[in-house]
Amino acid sequence: MERYTFIAEYRGGTYTSQYDAENLENGLKLWAENLDLKYFSKSKKEKIIAETKDTDLFPVELDGIKNTWCRSYLGGKFYLLLNIVKTAID
């Protein structure tokens, strides 16, 4: 099991959460399913959940930084920047 820290920037707010998962793909799905951001509609959440299932839209690993990924989500009038860090479990 691995721990992933999700840092989302949305409409001037920073939202941080952590999930334990077998891999990044499963961690990302947990994050999306539990997404609860101020001013965030159900349709926006559903769009992000759908995009987590598309391997072409998977977060990219940052160059030169291990265990760190980034992904942006765009749709209509919303923009969400997501950074993910794989962290050690105590």
PDB file of N, CA and C in Angstrom:
ATOM      1  N   MET A   1       0.850  -1.177   0.000  1.00  0.00           N
ATOM      2  CA  MET A   1       0.000   0.000   0.000  1.00  0.00           C
ATOM      3  C   MET A   1       0.898   1.244   0.000  1.00  0.00           C
ATOM      4  N   GLU A   2       0.485   2.236  -0.746  1.00  0.00           N
ATOM      5  CA  GLU A   2       1.224   3.495  -0.848  1.00  0.00           C
ATOM      6  C   GLU A   2       0.314   4.646  -0.431  1.00  0.00           C
ATOM      7  N   ARG A   3       0.894   5.742  -0.011  1.00  0.00           N
ATOM      8  CA  ARG A   3       0.113   6.929   0.360  1.00  0.00           C
ATOM      9  C   ARG A   3       0.374   8.024  -0.670  1.00  0.00           C
ATOM     10  N   TYR A   4      -0.722   8.654  -1.111  1.00  0.00           N
ATOM     11  CA  TYR A   4      -0.638   9.740  -2.079  1.00  0.00           C
ATOM     12  C   TYR A   4      -1.260  10.996  -1.477  1.00  0.00           C
ATOM     13  N   THR A   5      -0.549  12.093  -1.611  1.00  0.00           N
ATOM     14  CA  THR A   5      -1.047  13.390  -1.173  1.00  0.00           C
ATOM     15  C   THR A   5      -1.489  14.161  -2.409  1.00  0.00           C
ATOM     16  N   PHE A   6      -2.716  14.650  -2.383  1.00  0.00           N
ATOM     17  CA  PHE A   6      -3.308  15.386  -3.499  1.00  0.00           C
ATOM     18  C   PHE A   6      -3.453  16.849  -3.095  1.00  0.00           C
ATOM     19  N   ILE A   7      -2.902  17.737  -3.897  1.00  0.00           N
ATOM     20  CA  ILE A   7      -2.963  19.170  -3.624  1.00  0.00           C
ATOM     21  C   ILE A   7      -3.649  19.817  -4.820  1.00  0.00           C
ATOM     22  N   ALA A   8      -4.889  20.240  -4.619  1.00  0.00           N
ATOM     23  CA  ALA A   8      -5.693  20.814  -5.696  1.00  0.00           C
ATOM     24  C   ALA A   8      -5.826  22.322  -5.498  1.00  0.00           C
ATOM     25  N   GLU A   9      -5.638  23.059  -6.585  1.00  0.00           N
ATOM     26  CA  GLU A   9      -5.834  24.507  -6.593  1.00  0.00           C
ATOM     27  C   GLU A   9      -7.092  24.783  -7.418  1.00  0.00           C
ATOM     28  N   TYR A  10      -8.063  25.453  -6.797  1.00  0.00           N
ATOM     29  CA  TYR A  10      -9.319  25.721  -7.490  1.00  0.00           C
ATOM     30  C   TYR A  10      -9.935  27.000  -6.950  1.00  0.00           C
ATOM     31  N   ARG A  11     -10.210  27.952  -7.836  1.00  0.00           N
ATOM     32  CA  ARG A  11     -10.865  29.223  -7.516  1.00  0.00           C
ATOM     33  C   ARG A  11     -10.263  29.915  -6.288  1.00  0.00           C
ATOM     34  N   GLY A  12      -8.937  29.991  -6.255  1.00  0.00           N
ATOM     35  CA  GLY A  12      -8.259  30.695  -5.181  1.00  0.00           C
ATOM     36  C   GLY A  12      -8.078  29.897  -3.904  1.00  0.00           C
ATOM     37  N   GLY A  13      -8.553  28.668  -3.870  1.00  0.00           N
ATOM     38  CA  GLY A  13      -8.408  27.830  -2.678  1.00  0.00           C
ATOM     39  C   GLY A  13      -7.451  26.674  -2.925  1.00  0.00           C
ATOM     40  N   THR A  14      -6.828  26.212  -1.874  1.00  0.00           N
ATOM     41  CA  THR A  14      -5.953  25.048  -1.940  1.00  0.00           C
ATOM     42  C   THR A  14      -6.582  23.950  -1.095  1.00  0.00           C
ATOM     43  N   TYR A  15      -6.767  22.785  -1.684  1.00  0.00           N
ATOM     44  CA  TYR A  15      -7.441  21.667  -1.028  1.00  0.00           C
ATOM     45  C   TYR A  15      -6.496  20.467  -1.012  1.00  0.00           C
ATOM     46  N   THR A  16      -6.176  19.982   0.169  1.00  0.00           N
ATOM     47  CA  THR A  16      -5.211  18.899   0.314  1.00  0.00           C
ATOM     48  C   THR A  16      -5.888  17.678   0.942  1.00  0.00           C
ATOM     49  N   SER A  17      -5.593  16.518   0.395  1.00  0.00           N
ATOM     50  CA  SER A  17      -6.130  15.272   0.938  1.00  0.00           C
ATOM     51  C   SER A  17      -5.115  14.158   0.713  1.00  0.00           C
ATOM     52  N   GLN A  18      -5.271  13.070   1.463  1.00  0.00           N
ATOM     53  CA  GLN A  18      -4.398  11.912   1.321  1.00  0.00           C
ATOM     54  C   GLN A  18      -5.236  10.641   1.237  1.00  0.00           C
ATOM     55  N   TYR A  19      -4.748   9.721   0.404  1.00  0.00           N
ATOM     56  CA  TYR A  19      -5.404   8.427   0.267  1.00  0.00           C
ATOM     57  C   TYR A  19      -4.354   7.340   0.172  1.00  0.00           C
ATOM     58  N   ASP A  20      -4.619   6.205   0.811  1.00  0.00           N
ATOM     59  CA  ASP A  20      -3.773   5.034   0.695  1.00  0.00           C
ATOM     60  C   ASP A  20      -4.348   4.154  -0.405  1.00  0.00           C
ATOM     61  N   ALA A  21      -3.479   3.720  -1.315  1.00  0.00           N
ATOM     62  CA  ALA A  21      -3.924   2.901  -2.440  1.00  0.00           C
ATOM     63  C   ALA A  21      -2.780   2.012  -2.908  1.00  0.00           C
ATOM     64  N   GLU A  22      -3.126   1.015  -3.694  1.00  0.00           N
ATOM     65  CA  GLU A  22      -2.117   0.093  -4.213  1.00  0.00           C
ATOM     66  C   GLU A  22      -1.221   0.754  -5.250  1.00  0.00           C
ATOM     67  N   ASN A  23      -1.757   1.759  -5.966  1.00  0.00           N
ATOM     68  CA  ASN A  23      -0.975   2.455  -6.998  1.00  0.00           C
ATOM     69  C   ASN A  23      -1.598   3.823  -7.256  1.00  0.00           C
ATOM     70  N   LEU A  24      -0.932   4.609  -8.080  1.00  0.00           N
ATOM     71  CA  LEU A  24      -1.410   5.965  -8.362  1.00  0.00           C
ATOM     72  C   LEU A  24      -2.779   5.961  -9.030  1.00  0.00           C
ATOM     73  N   GLU A  25      -2.996   5.053  -9.937  1.00  0.00           N
ATOM     74  CA  GLU A  25      -4.287   4.981 -10.624  1.00  0.00           C
ATOM     75  C   GLU A  25      -5.440   4.820  -9.637  1.00  0.00           C
ATOM     76  N   ASN A  26      -5.300   3.899  -8.683  1.00  0.00           N
ATOM     77  CA  ASN A  26      -6.353   3.686  -7.684  1.00  0.00           C
ATOM     78  C   ASN A  26      -6.466   4.881  -6.738  1.00  0.00           C
ATOM     79  N   GLY A  27      -5.333   5.478  -6.377  1.00  0.00           N
ATOM     80  CA  GLY A  27      -5.352   6.667  -5.527  1.00  0.00           C
ATOM     81  C   GLY A  27      -6.071   7.821  -6.195  1.00  0.00           C
ATOM     82  N   LEU A  28      -5.830   8.003  -7.486  1.00  0.00           N
ATOM     83  CA  LEU A  28      -6.479   9.079  -8.239  1.00  0.00           C
ATOM     84  C   LEU A  28      -7.990   8.872  -8.291  1.00  0.00           C
ATOM     85  N   LYS A  29      -8.411   7.639  -8.461  1.00  0.00           N
ATOM     86  CA  LYS A  29      -9.854   7.339  -8.476  1.00  0.00           C
ATOM     87  C   LYS A  29     -10.485   7.641  -7.114  1.00  0.00           C
ATOM     88  N   LEU A  30      -9.789   7.275  -6.040  1.00  0.00           N
ATOM     89  CA  LEU A  30     -10.297   7.594  -4.693  1.00  0.00           C
ATOM     90  C   LEU A  30     -10.425   9.100  -4.501  1.00  0.00           C
ATOM     91  N   TRP A  31      -9.408   9.838  -4.926  1.00  0.00           N
ATOM     92  CA  TRP A  31      -9.439  11.298  -4.802  1.00  0.00           C
ATOM     93  C   TRP A  31     -10.645  11.867  -5.547  1.00  0.00           C
ATOM     94  N   ALA A  32     -10.835  11.441  -6.793  1.00  0.00           N
ATOM     95  CA  ALA A  32     -11.928  11.977  -7.617  1.00  0.00           C
ATOM     96  C   ALA A  32     -13.294  11.637  -7.021  1.00  0.00           C
ATOM     97  N   GLU A  33     -13.460  10.418  -6.547  1.00  0.00           N
ATOM     98  CA  GLU A  33     -14.742   9.998  -5.986  1.00  0.00           C
ATOM     99  C   GLU A  33     -15.078  10.745  -4.696  1.00  0.00           C
ATOM    100  N   ASN A  34     -14.066  11.190  -3.972  1.00  0.00           N
ATOM    101  CA  ASN A  34     -14.271  11.897  -2.708  1.00  0.00           C
ATOM    102  C   ASN A  34     -14.093  13.401  -2.831  1.00  0.00           C
ATOM    103  N   LEU A  35     -13.987  13.884  -4.043  1.00  0.00           N
ATOM    104  CA  LEU A  35     -13.749  15.304  -4.296  1.00  0.00           C
ATOM    105  C   LEU A  35     -14.873  16.153  -3.715  1.00  0.00           C
ATOM    106  N   ASP A  36     -14.498  17.085  -2.861  1.00  0.00           N
ATOM    107  CA  ASP A  36     -15.477  17.956  -2.207  1.00  0.00           C
ATOM    108  C   ASP A  36     -14.846  19.344  -2.083  1.00  0.00           C
ATOM    109  N   LEU A  37     -15.024  20.157  -3.116  1.00  0.00           N
ATOM    110  CA  LEU A  37     -14.441  21.489  -3.147  1.00  0.00           C
ATOM    111  C   LEU A  37     -15.535  22.549  -3.101  1.00  0.00           C
ATOM    112  N   LYS A  38     -15.239  23.649  -2.469  1.00  0.00           N
ATOM    113  CA  LYS A  38     -16.173  24.765  -2.416  1.00  0.00           C
ATOM    114  C   LYS A  38     -16.449  25.232  -3.844  1.00  0.00           C
ATOM    115  N   TYR A  39     -17.706  25.503  -4.157  1.00  0.00           N
ATOM    116  CA  TYR A  39     -18.165  25.964  -5.478  1.00  0.00           C
ATOM    117  C   TYR A  39     -18.051  24.895  -6.560  1.00  0.00           C
ATOM    118  N   PHE A  40     -17.913  23.636  -6.193  1.00  0.00           N
ATOM    119  CA  PHE A  40     -17.712  22.576  -7.181  1.00  0.00           C
ATOM    120  C   PHE A  40     -19.011  21.814  -7.380  1.00  0.00           C
ATOM    121  N   SER A  41     -19.502  21.805  -8.596  1.00  0.00           N
ATOM    122  CA  SER A  41     -20.787  21.170  -8.884  1.00  0.00           C
ATOM    123  C   SER A  41     -20.637  19.666  -9.114  1.00  0.00           C
ATOM    124  N   LYS A  42     -21.758  18.982  -9.059  1.00  0.00           N
ATOM    125  CA  LYS A  42     -21.788  17.539  -9.287  1.00  0.00           C
ATOM    126  C   LYS A  42     -21.323  17.213 -10.710  1.00  0.00           C
ATOM    127  N   SER A  43     -21.696  18.030 -11.678  1.00  0.00           N
ATOM    128  CA  SER A  43     -21.300  17.760 -13.070  1.00  0.00           C
ATOM    129  C   SER A  43     -19.787  17.911 -13.260  1.00  0.00           C
ATOM    130  N   LYS A  44     -19.174  18.855 -12.567  1.00  0.00           N
ATOM    131  CA  LYS A  44     -17.720  19.007 -12.650  1.00  0.00           C
ATOM    132  C   LYS A  44     -17.035  17.786 -12.049  1.00  0.00           C
ATOM    133  N   LYS A  45     -17.554  17.332 -10.921  1.00  0.00           N
ATOM    134  CA  LYS A  45     -16.993  16.151 -10.268  1.00  0.00           C
ATOM    135  C   LYS A  45     -17.123  14.929 -11.179  1.00  0.00           C
ATOM    136  N   GLU A  46     -18.263  14.764 -11.819  1.00  0.00           N
ATOM    137  CA  GLU A  46     -18.478  13.630 -12.715  1.00  0.00           C
ATOM    138  C   GLU A  46     -17.524  13.677 -13.903  1.00  0.00           C
ATOM    139  N   LYS A  47     -17.239  14.873 -14.405  1.00  0.00           N
ATOM    140  CA  LYS A  47     -16.293  15.035 -15.515  1.00  0.00           C
ATOM    141  C   LYS A  47     -14.904  14.575 -15.087  1.00  0.00           C
ATOM    142  N   ILE A  48     -14.479  14.968 -13.899  1.00  0.00           N
ATOM    143  CA  ILE A  48     -13.159  14.576 -13.418  1.00  0.00           C
ATOM    144  C   ILE A  48     -13.094  13.073 -13.171  1.00  0.00           C
ATOM    145  N   ILE A  49     -14.138  12.496 -12.596  1.00  0.00           N
ATOM    146  CA  ILE A  49     -14.173  11.043 -12.382  1.00  0.00           C
ATOM    147  C   ILE A  49     -14.021  10.318 -13.722  1.00  0.00           C
ATOM    148  N   ALA A  50     -14.723  10.790 -14.736  1.00  0.00           N
ATOM    149  CA  ALA A  50     -14.631  10.169 -16.065  1.00  0.00           C
ATOM    150  C   ALA A  50     -13.213  10.290 -16.624  1.00  0.00           C
ATOM    151  N   GLU A  51     -12.578  11.427 -16.428  1.00  0.00           N
ATOM    152  CA  GLU A  51     -11.228  11.629 -16.956  1.00  0.00           C
ATOM    153  C   GLU A  51     -10.192  10.769 -16.233  1.00  0.00           C
ATOM    154  N   THR A  52     -10.421  10.395 -14.983  1.00  0.00           N
ATOM    155  CA  THR A  52      -9.460   9.537 -14.284  1.00  0.00           C
ATOM    156  C   THR A  52      -9.432   8.134 -14.885  1.00  0.00           C
ATOM    157  N   LYS A  53     -10.457   7.782 -15.641  1.00  0.00           N
ATOM    158  CA  LYS A  53     -10.521   6.463 -16.267  1.00  0.00           C
ATOM    159  C   LYS A  53      -9.856   6.442 -17.644  1.00  0.00           C
ATOM    160  N   ASP A  54      -9.496   7.609 -18.159  1.00  0.00           N
ATOM    161  CA  ASP A  54      -8.888   7.736 -19.485  1.00  0.00           C
ATOM    162  C   ASP A  54      -7.371   7.773 -19.331  1.00  0.00           C
ATOM    163  N   THR A  55      -6.693   6.719 -19.762  1.00  0.00           N
ATOM    164  CA  THR A  55      -5.241   6.636 -19.577  1.00  0.00           C
ATOM    165  C   THR A  55      -4.490   7.701 -20.381  1.00  0.00           C
ATOM    166  N   ASP A  56      -5.089   8.238 -21.436  1.00  0.00           N
ATOM    167  CA  ASP A  56      -4.446   9.317 -22.198  1.00  0.00           C
ATOM    168  C   ASP A  56      -4.422  10.623 -21.407  1.00  0.00           C
ATOM    169  N   LEU A  57      -5.250  10.743 -20.381  1.00  0.00           N
ATOM    170  CA  LEU A  57      -5.333  11.958 -19.583  1.00  0.00           C
ATOM    171  C   LEU A  57      -4.732  11.780 -18.192  1.00  0.00           C
ATOM    172  N   PHE A  58      -3.891  10.763 -18.040  1.00  0.00           N
ATOM    173  CA  PHE A  58      -3.294  10.463 -16.747  1.00  0.00           C
ATOM    174  C   PHE A  58      -2.293  11.551 -16.349  1.00  0.00           C
ATOM    175  N   PRO A  59      -2.161  11.848 -15.050  1.00  0.00           N
ATOM    176  CA  PRO A  59      -1.181  12.850 -14.612  1.00  0.00           C
ATOM    177  C   PRO A  59       0.226  12.493 -15.102  1.00  0.00           C
ATOM    178  N   VAL A  60       1.008  13.529 -15.392  1.00  0.00           N
ATOM    179  CA  VAL A  60       2.373  13.308 -15.871  1.00  0.00           C
ATOM    180  C   VAL A  60       3.358  13.494 -14.730  1.00  0.00           C
ATOM    181  N   GLU A  61       4.399  12.664 -14.734  1.00  0.00           N
ATOM    182  CA  GLU A  61       5.430  12.778 -13.707  1.00  0.00           C
ATOM    183  C   GLU A  61       6.288  13.995 -14.024  1.00  0.00           C
ATOM    184  N   LEU A  62       6.624  14.764 -12.995  1.00  0.00           N
ATOM    185  CA  LEU A  62       7.433  15.955 -13.179  1.00  0.00           C
ATOM    186  C   LEU A  62       8.885  15.566 -13.444  1.00  0.00           C
ATOM    187  N   ASP A  63       9.508  16.238 -14.398  1.00  0.00           N
ATOM    188  CA  ASP A  63      10.900  15.951 -14.745  1.00  0.00           C
ATOM    189  C   ASP A  63      11.826  16.220 -13.573  1.00  0.00           C
ATOM    190  N   GLY A  64      12.677  15.256 -13.275  1.00  0.00           N
ATOM    191  CA  GLY A  64      13.692  15.438 -12.262  1.00  0.00           C
ATOM    192  C   GLY A  64      13.208  15.350 -10.829  1.00  0.00           C
ATOM    193  N   ILE A  65      11.935  15.065 -10.620  1.00  0.00           N
ATOM    194  CA  ILE A  65      11.386  14.956  -9.265  1.00  0.00           C
ATOM    195  C   ILE A  65      10.680  13.604  -9.162  1.00  0.00           C
ATOM    196  N   LYS A  66      11.185  12.738  -8.312  1.00  0.00           N
ATOM    197  CA  LYS A  66      10.607  11.403  -8.185  1.00  0.00           C
ATOM    198  C   LYS A  66       9.289  11.447  -7.423  1.00  0.00           C
ATOM    199  N   ASN A  67       8.387  10.557  -7.824  1.00  0.00           N
ATOM    200  CA  ASN A  67       7.118  10.350  -7.116  1.00  0.00           C
ATOM    201  C   ASN A  67       6.253  11.605  -7.030  1.00  0.00           C
ATOM    202  N   THR A  68       6.280  12.426  -8.070  1.00  0.00           N
ATOM    203  CA  THR A  68       5.495  13.656  -8.103  1.00  0.00           C
ATOM    204  C   THR A  68       4.870  13.810  -9.491  1.00  0.00           C
ATOM    205  N   TRP A  69       3.565  14.075  -9.521  1.00  0.00           N
ATOM    206  CA  TRP A  69       2.828  14.195 -10.772  1.00  0.00           C
ATOM    207  C   TRP A  69       1.995  15.474 -10.772  1.00  0.00           C
ATOM    208  N   CYS A  70       1.594  15.869 -11.984  1.00  0.00           N
ATOM    209  CA  CYS A  70       0.765  17.064 -12.134  1.00  0.00           C
ATOM    210  C   CYS A  70      -0.285  16.791 -13.211  1.00  0.00           C
ATOM    211  N   ARG A  71      -1.421  17.428 -13.049  1.00  0.00           N
ATOM    212  CA  ARG A  71      -2.523  17.304 -14.023  1.00  0.00           C
ATOM    213  C   ARG A  71      -3.426  18.506 -13.871  1.00  0.00           C
ATOM    214  N   SER A  72      -3.888  19.043 -14.992  1.00  0.00           N
ATOM    215  CA  SER A  72      -4.885  20.107 -14.921  1.00  0.00           C
ATOM    216  C   SER A  72      -6.185  19.592 -15.526  1.00  0.00           C
ATOM    217  N   TYR A  73      -7.276  20.077 -14.988  1.00  0.00           N
ATOM    218  CA  TYR A  73      -8.611  19.719 -15.462  1.00  0.00           C
ATOM    219  C   TYR A  73      -9.296  20.993 -15.925  1.00  0.00           C
ATOM    220  N   LEU A  74      -9.799  20.967 -17.146  1.00  0.00           N
ATOM    221  CA  LEU A  74     -10.473  22.116 -17.732  1.00  0.00           C
ATOM    222  C   LEU A  74     -11.871  21.708 -18.155  1.00  0.00           C
ATOM    223  N   GLY A  75     -12.793  22.627 -18.051  1.00  0.00           N
ATOM    224  CA  GLY A  75     -14.137  22.339 -18.517  1.00  0.00           C
ATOM    225  C   GLY A  75     -15.028  23.547 -18.371  1.00  0.00           C
ATOM    226  N   GLY A  76     -15.584  23.997 -19.485  1.00  0.00           N
ATOM    227  CA  GLY A  76     -16.462  25.164 -19.404  1.00  0.00           C
ATOM    228  C   GLY A  76     -15.739  26.332 -18.776  1.00  0.00           C
ATOM    229  N   LYS A  77     -16.196  26.734 -17.611  1.00  0.00           N
ATOM    230  CA  LYS A  77     -15.605  27.880 -16.929  1.00  0.00           C
ATOM    231  C   LYS A  77     -14.779  27.471 -15.715  1.00  0.00           C
ATOM    232  N   PHE A  78     -14.348  26.218 -15.640  1.00  0.00           N
ATOM    233  CA  PHE A  78     -13.555  25.849 -14.470  1.00  0.00           C
ATOM    234  C   PHE A  78     -12.171  25.351 -14.862  1.00  0.00           C
ATOM    235  N   TYR A  79     -11.244  25.579 -13.955  1.00  0.00           N
ATOM    236  CA  TYR A  79      -9.861  25.132 -14.105  1.00  0.00           C
ATOM    237  C   TYR A  79      -9.399  24.635 -12.745  1.00  0.00           C
ATOM    238  N   LEU A  80      -8.894  23.426 -12.709  1.00  0.00           N
ATOM    239  CA  LEU A  80      -8.391  22.842 -11.471  1.00  0.00           C
ATOM    240  C   LEU A  80      -6.984  22.311 -11.748  1.00  0.00           C
ATOM    241  N   LEU A  81      -6.038  22.717 -10.935  1.00  0.00           N
ATOM    242  CA  LEU A  81      -4.667  22.221 -11.033  1.00  0.00           C
ATOM    243  C   LEU A  81      -4.454  21.225  -9.903  1.00  0.00           C
ATOM    244  N   LEU A  82      -3.970  20.039 -10.247  1.00  0.00           N
ATOM    245  CA  LEU A  82      -3.748  18.989  -9.262  1.00  0.00           C
ATOM    246  C   LEU A  82      -2.288  18.579  -9.255  1.00  0.00           C
ATOM    247  N   ASN A  83      -1.676  18.599  -8.072  1.00  0.00           N
ATOM    248  CA  ASN A  83      -0.342  18.052  -7.866  1.00  0.00           C
ATOM    249  C   ASN A  83      -0.489  16.840  -6.957  1.00  0.00           C
ATOM    250  N   ILE A  84       0.276  15.800  -7.252  1.00  0.00           N
ATOM    251  CA  ILE A  84       0.210  14.553  -6.483  1.00  0.00           C
ATOM    252  C   ILE A  84       1.619  14.181  -6.058  1.00  0.00           C
ATOM    253  N   VAL A  85       1.762  13.803  -4.791  1.00  0.00           N
ATOM    254  CA  VAL A  85       3.054  13.383  -4.257  1.00  0.00           C
ATOM    255  C   VAL A  85       2.870  12.037  -3.568  1.00  0.00           C
ATOM    256  N   LYS A  86       3.679  11.071  -3.971  1.00  0.00           N
ATOM    257  CA  LYS A  86       3.683   9.769  -3.280  1.00  0.00           C
ATOM    258  C   LYS A  86       4.534   9.933  -2.033  1.00  0.00           C
ATOM    259  N   THR A  87       3.931   9.668  -0.883  1.00  0.00           N
ATOM    260  CA  THR A  87       4.613   9.880   0.387  1.00  0.00           C
ATOM    261  C   THR A  87       4.752   8.557   1.133  1.00  0.00           C
ATOM    262  N   ALA A  88       5.666   8.520   2.059  1.00  0.00           N
ATOM    263  CA  ALA A  88       5.907   7.305   2.846  1.00  0.00           C
ATOM    264  C   ALA A  88       4.785   7.100   3.854  1.00  0.00           C
ATOM    265  N   ILE A  89       4.480   5.838   4.110  1.00  0.00           N
ATOM    266  CA  ILE A  89       3.512   5.495   5.133  1.00  0.00           C
ATOM    267  C   ILE A  89       4.277   5.274   6.437  1.00  0.00           C
ATOM    268  N   ASP A  90       3.761   5.840   7.514  1.00  0.00           N
ATOM    269  CA  ASP A  90       4.418   5.734   8.827  1.00  0.00           C
ATOM    270  C   ASP A  90       4.569   4.294   9.256  1.00  0.00           C
TER     271      ASP A  90
END
